[in-house]
């Protein structure tokens, strides 16, 4: 089984960290490949970044020309794009936001999300509501750290997480969710100190993706996620020297290079 994990930003170091977490969660026989958008924000924090990131990730999968894959894990917590990607590809698409929340609901009645900057909290709340798991969320709490701050001082990150986690627990959370893919691995350091289960969205999404593929399930085409209406769509091009693969703007959109049972 091959799973591709899409970072929501252009920071390659974060992609590598996410892939390490995904591979640690993956079962034997599962290959994890990380993909970094060729363009977009270096970190996704706010509505503008999120919409830009969504388009970049869809373009990344549209122009993908590597080995065929069996599932997509979208590693952007609360970021837009999952619905569009479900239209785009024919394999299961698992977003770390809803994956973490669904697993958290199996562990306690109410969960709390600890994320980065406070400005992302409302966006995450909306994403959880759209996924149908918002009613079980006790609180979404920011640490005050930016996404790019997470890879710096580990002691500072852990302390900020613990402080925010106490606020979430005070609001009624019985389970905690890591509210950023860049926090992957932190659950091992803080779980025992908090005395609460801590769910990492990357690991949760990988395991759910494996389960869907193993059960032979894929996205329904009956209504909401029907294939896009055939029409001409113009796509932009990546800036010169950007990472990743991009086609010139004059090239008509092409489906991802996968077998018919994987992607269009």
Protein backbone atom coordinates (compact mmCIF):
# COMPACT_ATOMS: atom_id res chain seq x y z
CA UNK A 1 0.00 0.00 0.00
CA UNK A 2 1.29 3.46 -0.90
CA UNK A 3 0.10 6.62 0.86
CA UNK A 4 1.03 10.12 -0.23
CA UNK A 5 1.09 12.77 2.49
CA UNK A 6 0.68 16.37 1.35
CA UNK A 7 2.19 19.16 3.39
CA UNK A 8 0.07 22.31 3.31
CA UNK A 9 3.07 24.65 3.03
CA UNK A 10 6.30 24.96 1.06
CA UNK A 11 8.67 24.27 3.97
CA UNK A 12 10.49 21.07 3.02
CA UNK A 13 11.84 20.53 6.53
CA UNK A 14 8.29 20.34 7.84
CA UNK A 15 7.36 17.83 5.15
CA UNK A 16 10.24 15.64 6.30
CA UNK A 17 9.11 15.87 9.93
CA UNK A 18 5.54 14.98 8.97
CA UNK A 19 6.74 12.01 6.92
CA UNK A 20 8.75 10.71 9.88
CA UNK A 21 5.61 10.76 12.00
CA UNK A 22 3.53 9.16 9.24
CA UNK A 23 6.03 6.36 8.74
CA UNK A 24 6.18 5.70 12.47
CA UNK A 25 2.40 5.16 12.46
CA UNK A 26 2.23 3.16 9.23
CA UNK A 27 1.90 -0.60 9.31
CA UNK A 28 4.22 -3.12 7.65
CA UNK A 29 3.94 -3.00 3.88
CA UNK A 30 2.80 0.64 3.78
CA UNK A 31 5.01 3.08 1.89
CA UNK A 32 4.69 6.78 2.77
CA UNK A 33 5.72 9.48 0.31
CA UNK A 34 5.74 13.15 1.32
CA UNK A 35 4.79 15.87 -1.16
CA UNK A 36 5.64 19.56 -0.81
CA UNK A 37 3.73 22.18 -2.85
CA UNK A 38 5.77 23.99 -5.48
CA UNK A 39 4.20 27.30 -4.49
CA UNK A 40 2.12 28.82 -1.72
CA UNK A 41 2.84 30.00 1.84
CA UNK A 42 5.87 28.85 3.83
CA UNK A 43 3.47 28.29 6.72
CA UNK A 44 -0.34 28.29 6.78
CA UNK A 45 -1.73 30.65 9.42
CA UNK A 46 -5.01 32.32 8.59
CA UNK A 47 -7.64 32.40 5.88
CA UNK A 48 -5.46 33.82 3.09
CA UNK A 49 -2.74 31.23 3.65
CA UNK A 50 -5.31 28.46 3.89
CA UNK A 51 -7.06 29.21 0.60
CA UNK A 52 -3.71 29.67 -1.15
CA UNK A 53 -2.50 26.40 0.33
CA UNK A 54 -5.63 24.56 -0.83
CA UNK A 55 -5.08 25.59 -4.43
CA UNK A 56 -1.38 24.71 -4.22
CA UNK A 57 -2.07 21.24 -2.82
CA UNK A 58 -4.67 20.51 -5.48
CA UNK A 59 -2.22 21.66 -8.14
CA UNK A 60 0.44 19.45 -6.56
CA UNK A 61 -1.78 16.37 -6.86
CA UNK A 62 -3.00 17.37 -10.32
CA UNK A 63 0.58 17.47 -11.64
CA UNK A 64 1.87 14.49 -9.65
CA UNK A 65 3.74 12.07 -11.91
CA UNK A 66 5.21 9.57 -9.46
CA UNK A 67 4.18 5.98 -8.64
CA UNK A 68 0.47 5.29 -8.25
CA UNK A 69 -0.93 5.63 -4.74
CA UNK A 70 -3.76 4.12 -2.76
CA UNK A 71 -4.70 7.01 -0.45
CA UNK A 72 -3.97 10.67 0.25
CA UNK A 73 -3.36 12.11 3.71
CA UNK A 74 -3.72 15.89 3.87
CA UNK A 75 -1.43 17.17 6.61
CA UNK A 76 -2.79 20.65 7.20
CA UNK A 77 -4.79 21.07 10.41
CA UNK A 78 -7.93 23.06 9.72
CA UNK A 79 -6.78 24.01 6.23
CA UNK A 80 -9.10 24.15 3.24
CA UNK A 81 -8.99 21.87 0.22
CA UNK A 82 -10.06 18.40 1.38
CA UNK A 83 -13.41 18.53 -0.44
CA UNK A 84 -11.75 19.61 -3.68
CA UNK A 85 -9.13 16.88 -3.43
CA UNK A 86 -11.90 14.30 -2.92
CA UNK A 87 -13.37 15.39 -6.23
CA UNK A 88 -9.96 15.31 -7.89
CA UNK A 89 -8.72 11.82 -7.01
CA UNK A 90 -10.35 8.40 -6.91
CA UNK A 91 -8.63 7.14 -3.77
CA UNK A 92 -9.59 7.76 -0.13
CA UNK A 93 -8.62 11.25 1.09
CA UNK A 94 -8.11 11.61 4.83
CA UNK A 95 -7.60 15.03 6.39
CA UNK A 96 -5.66 15.08 9.66
CA UNK A 97 -8.19 17.46 11.24
CA UNK A 98 -11.19 15.19 11.01
CA UNK A 99 -9.12 12.02 11.47
CA UNK A 100 -7.82 13.21 14.83
CA UNK A 101 -11.27 14.38 15.93
CA UNK A 102 -12.97 11.11 14.97
CA UNK A 103 -10.44 9.07 16.93
CA UNK A 104 -10.67 11.47 19.87
CA UNK A 105 -14.43 10.89 19.98
CA UNK A 106 -13.75 7.17 20.49
CA UNK A 107 -11.64 7.95 23.55
CA UNK A 108 -13.75 10.48 25.43
CA UNK A 109 -16.99 12.40 25.29
CA UNK A 110 -15.36 15.75 24.54
CA UNK A 111 -11.99 16.66 23.10
CA UNK A 112 -9.89 19.80 22.93
CA UNK A 113 -7.53 21.01 20.20
CA UNK A 114 -4.23 22.68 21.01
CA UNK A 115 -2.92 24.59 18.01
CA UNK A 116 -0.46 27.36 17.12
CA UNK A 117 -1.59 30.98 16.87
CA UNK A 118 -4.97 32.10 18.20
CA UNK A 119 -5.89 33.42 14.77
CA UNK A 120 -6.23 29.81 13.55
CA UNK A 121 -8.79 28.78 16.18
CA UNK A 122 -11.92 29.96 14.38
CA UNK A 123 -10.81 28.37 11.13
CA UNK A 124 -10.24 25.04 12.91
CA UNK A 125 -13.65 25.27 14.58
CA UNK A 126 -15.26 25.76 11.16
CA UNK A 127 -13.36 22.79 9.73
CA UNK A 128 -14.50 20.55 12.57
CA UNK A 129 -18.11 21.66 12.11
CA UNK A 130 -17.97 20.94 8.40
CA UNK A 131 -16.59 17.47 9.14
CA UNK A 132 -19.47 16.80 11.54
CA UNK A 133 -17.35 16.51 14.69
CA UNK A 134 -17.59 20.06 16.02
CA UNK A 135 -20.27 19.37 18.63
CA UNK A 136 -17.84 17.20 20.64
CA UNK A 137 -15.12 19.84 20.70
CA UNK A 138 -14.81 21.49 24.11
CA UNK A 139 -12.29 24.12 23.03
CA UNK A 140 -9.69 25.08 20.44
CA UNK A 141 -6.80 26.77 22.21
CA UNK A 142 -3.74 28.49 20.75
CA UNK A 143 -0.23 28.22 22.16
CA UNK A 144 0.88 31.59 20.82
CA UNK A 145 3.61 29.91 18.77
CA UNK A 146 3.78 30.20 15.01
CA UNK A 147 4.06 27.12 12.82
CA UNK A 148 7.70 27.83 12.08
CA UNK A 149 8.42 28.25 15.81
CA UNK A 150 7.56 24.60 16.45
CA UNK A 151 10.84 23.29 15.10
CA UNK A 152 12.98 25.48 17.32
CA UNK A 153 13.13 25.30 21.11
CA UNK A 154 11.52 21.98 22.08
CA UNK A 155 11.29 22.90 25.75
CA UNK A 156 9.46 26.13 24.92
CA UNK A 157 7.08 24.29 22.58
CA UNK A 158 6.28 21.66 25.20
CA UNK A 159 5.71 24.28 27.90
CA UNK A 160 3.41 26.31 25.66
CA UNK A 161 1.48 23.17 24.74
CA UNK A 162 1.03 22.14 28.36
CA UNK A 163 -0.24 25.59 29.33
CA UNK A 164 -2.76 25.59 26.48
CA UNK A 165 -3.74 22.00 27.25
CA UNK A 166 -4.67 22.94 30.81
CA UNK A 167 -7.04 25.56 29.41
CA UNK A 168 -8.63 22.95 27.15
CA UNK A 169 -9.00 20.53 30.05
CA UNK A 170 -10.58 23.25 32.18
CA UNK A 171 -13.12 23.76 29.38
CA UNK A 172 -14.14 20.11 29.62
CA UNK A 173 -11.77 18.28 27.27
CA UNK A 174 -11.24 14.63 28.15
CA UNK A 175 -8.95 13.99 25.16
CA UNK A 176 -6.47 16.32 23.49
CA UNK A 177 -5.68 16.69 19.80
CA UNK A 178 -2.47 18.11 18.33
CA UNK A 179 -3.73 21.00 16.22
CA UNK A 180 -0.84 21.25 13.77
CA UNK A 181 1.03 18.69 11.66
CA UNK A 182 4.26 20.30 12.86
CA UNK A 183 3.42 19.07 16.38
CA UNK A 184 3.75 15.43 15.31
CA UNK A 185 5.72 13.52 17.93
CA UNK A 186 4.79 15.87 20.77
CA UNK A 187 2.12 13.48 22.06
CA UNK A 188 4.81 11.16 23.42
CA UNK A 189 6.36 13.95 25.46
CA UNK A 190 3.19 15.43 26.94
CA UNK A 191 0.75 12.53 27.19
CA UNK A 192 1.91 11.23 30.56
CA UNK A 193 2.35 14.70 32.03
CA UNK A 194 -1.23 15.61 31.17
CA UNK A 195 -2.83 12.36 32.23
CA UNK A 196 -5.05 12.55 29.13
CA UNK A 197 -4.95 10.72 25.80
CA UNK A 198 -3.26 12.87 23.13
CA UNK A 199 -4.13 12.21 19.48
CA UNK A 200 -1.71 13.10 16.69
CA UNK A 201 -3.60 13.86 13.49
CA UNK A 202 -0.89 12.58 11.16
CA UNK A 203 -0.76 9.16 12.80
CA UNK A 204 -4.55 9.03 13.03
CA UNK A 205 -4.98 9.87 9.35
CA UNK A 206 -2.43 7.26 8.25
CA UNK A 207 -4.15 4.50 10.22
CA UNK A 208 -7.60 5.50 8.95
CA UNK A 209 -6.29 5.65 5.38
CA UNK A 210 -4.86 2.15 5.77
CA UNK A 211 -8.20 0.92 7.11
CA UNK A 212 -10.20 2.41 4.23
CA UNK A 213 -7.87 0.93 1.64
CA UNK A 214 -7.84 -2.43 3.42
CA UNK A 215 -11.65 -2.50 3.45
CA UNK A 216 -11.80 -1.61 -0.23
CA UNK A 217 -13.65 1.65 0.42
CA UNK A 218 -13.36 4.86 -1.54
CA UNK A 219 -15.04 8.25 -1.77
CA UNK A 220 -18.68 8.17 -2.85
CA UNK A 221 -19.48 9.73 -6.22
CA UNK A 222 -23.23 9.80 -5.53
CA UNK A 223 -23.55 13.50 -4.80
CA UNK A 224 -21.34 15.94 -2.92
CA UNK A 225 -18.05 14.47 -4.15
CA UNK A 226 -19.09 13.71 -7.71
CA UNK A 227 -16.37 14.16 -10.29
CA UNK A 228 -15.87 17.79 -11.38
CA UNK A 229 -18.04 19.01 -14.23
CA UNK A 230 -16.01 18.74 -17.48
CA UNK A 231 -14.94 22.19 -18.59
CA UNK A 232 -11.81 24.11 -19.44
CA UNK A 233 -9.87 25.12 -16.32
CA UNK A 234 -6.82 27.38 -16.48
CA UNK A 235 -4.11 26.71 -13.88
CA UNK A 236 -1.25 29.02 -12.96
CA UNK A 237 2.39 28.06 -13.10
CA UNK A 238 4.94 27.79 -10.28
CA UNK A 239 7.55 30.54 -9.88
CA UNK A 240 10.93 29.86 -11.44
CA UNK A 241 13.14 27.70 -9.23
CA UNK A 242 10.29 26.55 -6.96
CA UNK A 243 10.33 23.05 -5.49
CA UNK A 244 8.04 20.40 -6.87
CA UNK A 245 6.61 19.66 -10.28
CA UNK A 246 4.56 22.12 -12.29
CA UNK A 247 3.40 22.36 -15.90
CA UNK A 248 3.48 25.58 -17.92
CA UNK A 249 0.32 27.69 -17.76
CA UNK A 250 -0.32 27.00 -21.46
CA UNK A 251 -0.65 23.25 -20.86
CA UNK A 252 -4.28 22.10 -20.41
CA UNK A 253 -5.04 20.49 -17.02
CA UNK A 254 -4.20 16.79 -16.96
CA UNK A 255 -5.27 14.11 -14.45
CA UNK A 256 -2.74 12.78 -11.93
CA UNK A 257 -0.56 10.02 -13.36
CA UNK A 258 -2.09 7.01 -11.61
CA UNK A 259 -3.85 3.84 -12.59
CA UNK A 260 -7.62 3.96 -13.13
CA UNK A 261 -8.36 2.48 -9.72
CA UNK A 262 -6.38 5.22 -7.99
CA UNK A 263 -6.76 8.68 -9.52
CA UNK A 264 -8.19 10.25 -12.61
